[in-house]
Each structure stands twice: as C-alpha cells, then as structure tokens.
Amino acid sequence: MLSEMKTYILRAEIEQEEDGRWSAWVESLPGCAVWGYTREETFEALKEAAQGYIEVLLEEGGSVPEAIETVDSPIVAVTV
C-alpha cells in the first residue's frame, strides 16, 4: 500500500554573506541550514535538506510543522 504524499510549505530565510555566499535556513526545522554560491543553488540545497529532514522526522514518528498558507517571505515546498 502506498502512503499518502503531502506537500509542506515552509517559511525560509535567506541572506547574502559578506564573502558573497548565500545562507538559508528553515527556522521551524531546527538545524536545517545550508549555504551556496548563488541564491538559486542555495534554495535548491535548502529544498533537498528540508525534504531529507522531514522524511527522517516522519520515519521516526515525529510531527511536521503546519504548512503555511500565505507568506510574504521566501518559502520552500517539500513533497514527501
């Protein structure tokens, strides 16, 4: 039996560092943070990190933060 897949939309924070690299994180997923050389690379890495984080969380029986319906900051959508 296939499990039901859900899409989680999480508020993401991103900022450019003094050395030109980008840092991004999801505050509702403690420790879920990445960096990259471009904004696009950083968002892709954050999406992959958040997906892995949520997959492990679900495998271990944890709960996922509620999805955000409307936001005025960057978001990451992850389907697991």
N, C-alpha and C. Protein backbone atom coordinates (compact mmCIF):
# COMPACT_ATOMS: atom_id res chain seq x y z
N MET A 1 0.84 -1.18 0.00
CA MET A 1 0.00 0.00 0.00
C MET A 1 0.89 1.25 0.00
N LEU A 2 0.58 2.18 -0.88
CA LEU A 2 1.33 3.42 -0.95
C LEU A 2 0.83 4.38 0.12
N SER A 3 1.78 5.07 0.73
CA SER A 3 1.38 6.06 1.72
C SER A 3 0.98 7.35 1.00
N GLU A 4 0.15 8.13 1.64
CA GLU A 4 -0.31 9.39 1.08
C GLU A 4 0.82 10.42 1.12
N MET A 5 1.09 11.06 -0.03
CA MET A 5 2.13 12.08 -0.08
C MET A 5 1.49 13.43 0.23
N LYS A 6 2.24 14.27 0.91
CA LYS A 6 1.79 15.60 1.26
C LYS A 6 2.84 16.61 0.84
N THR A 7 2.41 17.83 0.58
CA THR A 7 3.32 18.91 0.29
C THR A 7 3.33 19.85 1.48
N TYR A 8 4.52 20.13 1.98
CA TYR A 8 4.69 21.04 3.11
C TYR A 8 5.32 22.33 2.58
N ILE A 9 4.73 23.46 2.92
CA ILE A 9 5.28 24.75 2.53
C ILE A 9 5.81 25.40 3.80
N LEU A 10 7.11 25.63 3.80
CA LEU A 10 7.80 26.11 5.00
C LEU A 10 8.43 27.47 4.74
N ARG A 11 8.36 28.35 5.71
CA ARG A 11 8.98 29.67 5.60
C ARG A 11 10.50 29.52 5.62
N ALA A 12 11.14 30.10 4.61
CA ALA A 12 12.60 30.04 4.51
C ALA A 12 13.19 31.43 4.73
N GLU A 13 14.36 31.45 5.31
CA GLU A 13 15.12 32.70 5.47
C GLU A 13 16.37 32.58 4.62
N ILE A 14 16.75 33.66 3.94
CA ILE A 14 17.96 33.64 3.12
C ILE A 14 18.66 34.98 3.23
N GLU A 15 19.98 34.93 3.25
CA GLU A 15 20.74 36.18 3.28
C GLU A 15 22.09 35.98 2.61
N GLN A 16 22.60 37.06 2.04
CA GLN A 16 23.91 37.01 1.40
C GLN A 16 24.97 37.40 2.42
N GLU A 17 26.02 36.59 2.51
CA GLU A 17 27.10 36.82 3.45
C GLU A 17 28.08 37.85 2.88
N GLU A 18 28.95 38.38 3.72
CA GLU A 18 29.93 39.38 3.29
C GLU A 18 30.86 38.86 2.21
N ASP A 19 31.14 37.54 2.22
CA ASP A 19 32.04 36.96 1.22
C ASP A 19 31.33 36.61 -0.09
N GLY A 20 30.03 36.94 -0.20
CA GLY A 20 29.29 36.72 -1.43
C GLY A 20 28.47 35.45 -1.45
N ARG A 21 28.76 34.51 -0.55
CA ARG A 21 27.97 33.28 -0.50
C ARG A 21 26.60 33.58 0.08
N TRP A 22 25.67 32.63 -0.10
CA TRP A 22 24.32 32.75 0.41
C TRP A 22 24.09 31.72 1.50
N SER A 23 23.38 32.09 2.55
CA SER A 23 22.98 31.18 3.62
C SER A 23 21.46 31.14 3.66
N ALA A 24 20.91 29.95 3.92
CA ALA A 24 19.46 29.81 4.01
C ALA A 24 19.13 28.78 5.07
N TRP A 25 17.96 28.94 5.71
CA TRP A 25 17.54 28.02 6.75
C TRP A 25 16.03 28.06 6.90
N VAL A 26 15.52 27.01 7.55
CA VAL A 26 14.10 26.92 7.87
C VAL A 26 14.01 26.88 9.39
N GLU A 27 13.55 27.97 10.00
CA GLU A 27 13.52 28.06 11.46
C GLU A 27 12.63 27.01 12.11
N SER A 28 11.57 26.58 11.43
CA SER A 28 10.67 25.59 12.02
C SER A 28 11.27 24.18 12.00
N LEU A 29 12.43 24.01 11.33
CA LEU A 29 13.14 22.74 11.30
C LEU A 29 14.54 22.99 11.89
N PRO A 30 14.68 22.90 13.21
CA PRO A 30 15.95 23.24 13.86
C PRO A 30 17.13 22.50 13.23
N GLY A 31 18.16 23.28 12.87
CA GLY A 31 19.36 22.71 12.28
C GLY A 31 19.31 22.56 10.77
N CYS A 32 18.18 22.86 10.16
CA CYS A 32 18.05 22.74 8.70
C CYS A 32 18.57 24.03 8.08
N ALA A 33 19.86 24.03 7.70
CA ALA A 33 20.50 25.22 7.17
C ALA A 33 21.52 24.80 6.11
N VAL A 34 21.69 25.64 5.11
CA VAL A 34 22.62 25.36 4.02
C VAL A 34 23.28 26.65 3.56
N TRP A 35 24.26 26.52 2.67
CA TRP A 35 24.83 27.69 2.02
C TRP A 35 25.16 27.32 0.58
N GLY A 36 25.33 28.34 -0.26
CA GLY A 36 25.69 28.11 -1.65
C GLY A 36 26.32 29.36 -2.23
N TYR A 37 26.83 29.22 -3.45
CA TYR A 37 27.48 30.35 -4.12
C TYR A 37 26.49 31.26 -4.83
N THR A 38 25.30 30.75 -5.14
CA THR A 38 24.26 31.57 -5.76
C THR A 38 22.97 31.40 -4.97
N ARG A 39 22.06 32.34 -5.15
CA ARG A 39 20.76 32.26 -4.47
C ARG A 39 20.01 31.00 -4.92
N GLU A 40 20.03 30.72 -6.22
CA GLU A 40 19.32 29.57 -6.76
C GLU A 40 19.90 28.26 -6.22
N GLU A 41 21.23 28.15 -6.22
CA GLU A 41 21.89 26.95 -5.69
C GLU A 41 21.53 26.74 -4.22
N THR A 42 21.48 27.81 -3.49
CA THR A 42 21.18 27.74 -2.06
C THR A 42 19.74 27.28 -1.83
N PHE A 43 18.80 27.81 -2.60
CA PHE A 43 17.41 27.38 -2.45
C PHE A 43 17.23 25.91 -2.82
N GLU A 44 17.92 25.45 -3.86
CA GLU A 44 17.82 24.03 -4.24
C GLU A 44 18.39 23.15 -3.13
N ALA A 45 19.52 23.56 -2.56
CA ALA A 45 20.11 22.80 -1.45
C ALA A 45 19.19 22.80 -0.24
N LEU A 46 18.52 23.93 0.02
CA LEU A 46 17.61 24.01 1.16
C LEU A 46 16.41 23.09 0.94
N LYS A 47 15.89 23.05 -0.28
CA LYS A 47 14.77 22.16 -0.57
C LYS A 47 15.16 20.71 -0.30
N GLU A 48 16.32 20.30 -0.77
CA GLU A 48 16.79 18.93 -0.56
C GLU A 48 17.01 18.64 0.93
N ALA A 49 17.58 19.59 1.65
CA ALA A 49 17.82 19.41 3.08
C ALA A 49 16.50 19.31 3.85
N ALA A 50 15.54 20.16 3.51
CA ALA A 50 14.24 20.14 4.19
C ALA A 50 13.50 18.83 3.89
N GLN A 51 13.58 18.36 2.66
CA GLN A 51 12.93 17.11 2.31
C GLN A 51 13.53 15.96 3.11
N GLY A 52 14.85 15.88 3.17
CA GLY A 52 15.50 14.83 3.94
C GLY A 52 15.16 14.92 5.42
N TYR A 53 15.13 16.12 5.94
CA TYR A 53 14.81 16.36 7.35
C TYR A 53 13.41 15.83 7.66
N ILE A 54 12.43 16.19 6.80
CA ILE A 54 11.05 15.78 7.04
C ILE A 54 10.89 14.27 6.86
N GLU A 55 11.56 13.69 5.87
CA GLU A 55 11.48 12.24 5.69
C GLU A 55 11.95 11.50 6.94
N VAL A 56 13.08 11.91 7.50
CA VAL A 56 13.60 11.27 8.72
C VAL A 56 12.66 11.52 9.88
N LEU A 57 12.15 12.74 10.00
CA LEU A 57 11.21 13.08 11.07
C LEU A 57 9.99 12.15 11.03
N LEU A 58 9.44 11.94 9.85
CA LEU A 58 8.27 11.08 9.70
C LEU A 58 8.62 9.61 9.98
N GLU A 59 9.78 9.16 9.50
CA GLU A 59 10.20 7.78 9.75
C GLU A 59 10.33 7.50 11.24
N GLU A 60 10.75 8.51 12.00
CA GLU A 60 10.94 8.36 13.44
C GLU A 60 9.67 8.66 14.23
N GLY A 61 8.56 8.89 13.54
CA GLY A 61 7.28 9.13 14.21
C GLY A 61 7.07 10.54 14.70
N GLY A 62 7.87 11.47 14.25
CA GLY A 62 7.72 12.86 14.67
C GLY A 62 6.61 13.57 13.91
N SER A 63 6.31 14.77 14.33
CA SER A 63 5.28 15.56 13.65
C SER A 63 5.94 16.69 12.88
N VAL A 64 5.33 17.06 11.78
CA VAL A 64 5.85 18.10 10.91
C VAL A 64 5.12 19.40 11.22
N PRO A 65 5.84 20.53 11.22
CA PRO A 65 5.16 21.82 11.46
C PRO A 65 4.03 22.03 10.46
N GLU A 66 3.01 22.75 10.85
CA GLU A 66 1.88 23.04 9.98
C GLU A 66 2.35 23.80 8.74
N ALA A 67 1.70 23.53 7.61
CA ALA A 67 2.01 24.23 6.37
C ALA A 67 1.57 25.68 6.50
N ILE A 68 2.24 26.54 5.80
CA ILE A 68 1.93 27.96 5.81
C ILE A 68 1.11 28.26 4.56
N GLU A 69 -0.05 28.88 4.71
CA GLU A 69 -0.91 29.15 3.55
C GLU A 69 -0.49 30.39 2.79
N THR A 70 -0.21 31.48 3.48
CA THR A 70 0.23 32.69 2.81
C THR A 70 1.43 33.25 3.56
N VAL A 71 2.40 33.70 2.81
CA VAL A 71 3.61 34.28 3.40
C VAL A 71 4.07 35.45 2.56
N ASP A 72 4.87 36.30 3.16
CA ASP A 72 5.45 37.39 2.41
C ASP A 72 6.97 37.32 2.46
N SER A 73 7.50 36.10 2.63
CA SER A 73 8.94 35.86 2.56
C SER A 73 9.15 34.62 1.71
N PRO A 74 10.40 34.32 1.32
CA PRO A 74 10.64 33.12 0.51
C PRO A 74 10.14 31.88 1.22
N ILE A 75 9.71 30.87 0.45
CA ILE A 75 9.24 29.61 1.02
C ILE A 75 9.92 28.43 0.34
N VAL A 76 9.87 27.29 0.99
CA VAL A 76 10.35 26.04 0.41
C VAL A 76 9.18 25.07 0.48
N ALA A 77 8.82 24.47 -0.64
CA ALA A 77 7.76 23.45 -0.69
C ALA A 77 8.42 22.10 -0.84
N VAL A 78 8.08 21.15 0.03
CA VAL A 78 8.68 19.81 0.03
C VAL A 78 7.57 18.79 -0.01
N THR A 79 7.64 17.83 -0.94
CA THR A 79 6.65 16.77 -1.02
C THR A 79 7.31 15.47 -0.60
N VAL A 80 6.75 14.81 0.42
CA VAL A 80 7.27 13.53 0.92
C VAL A 80 6.13 12.55 1.05
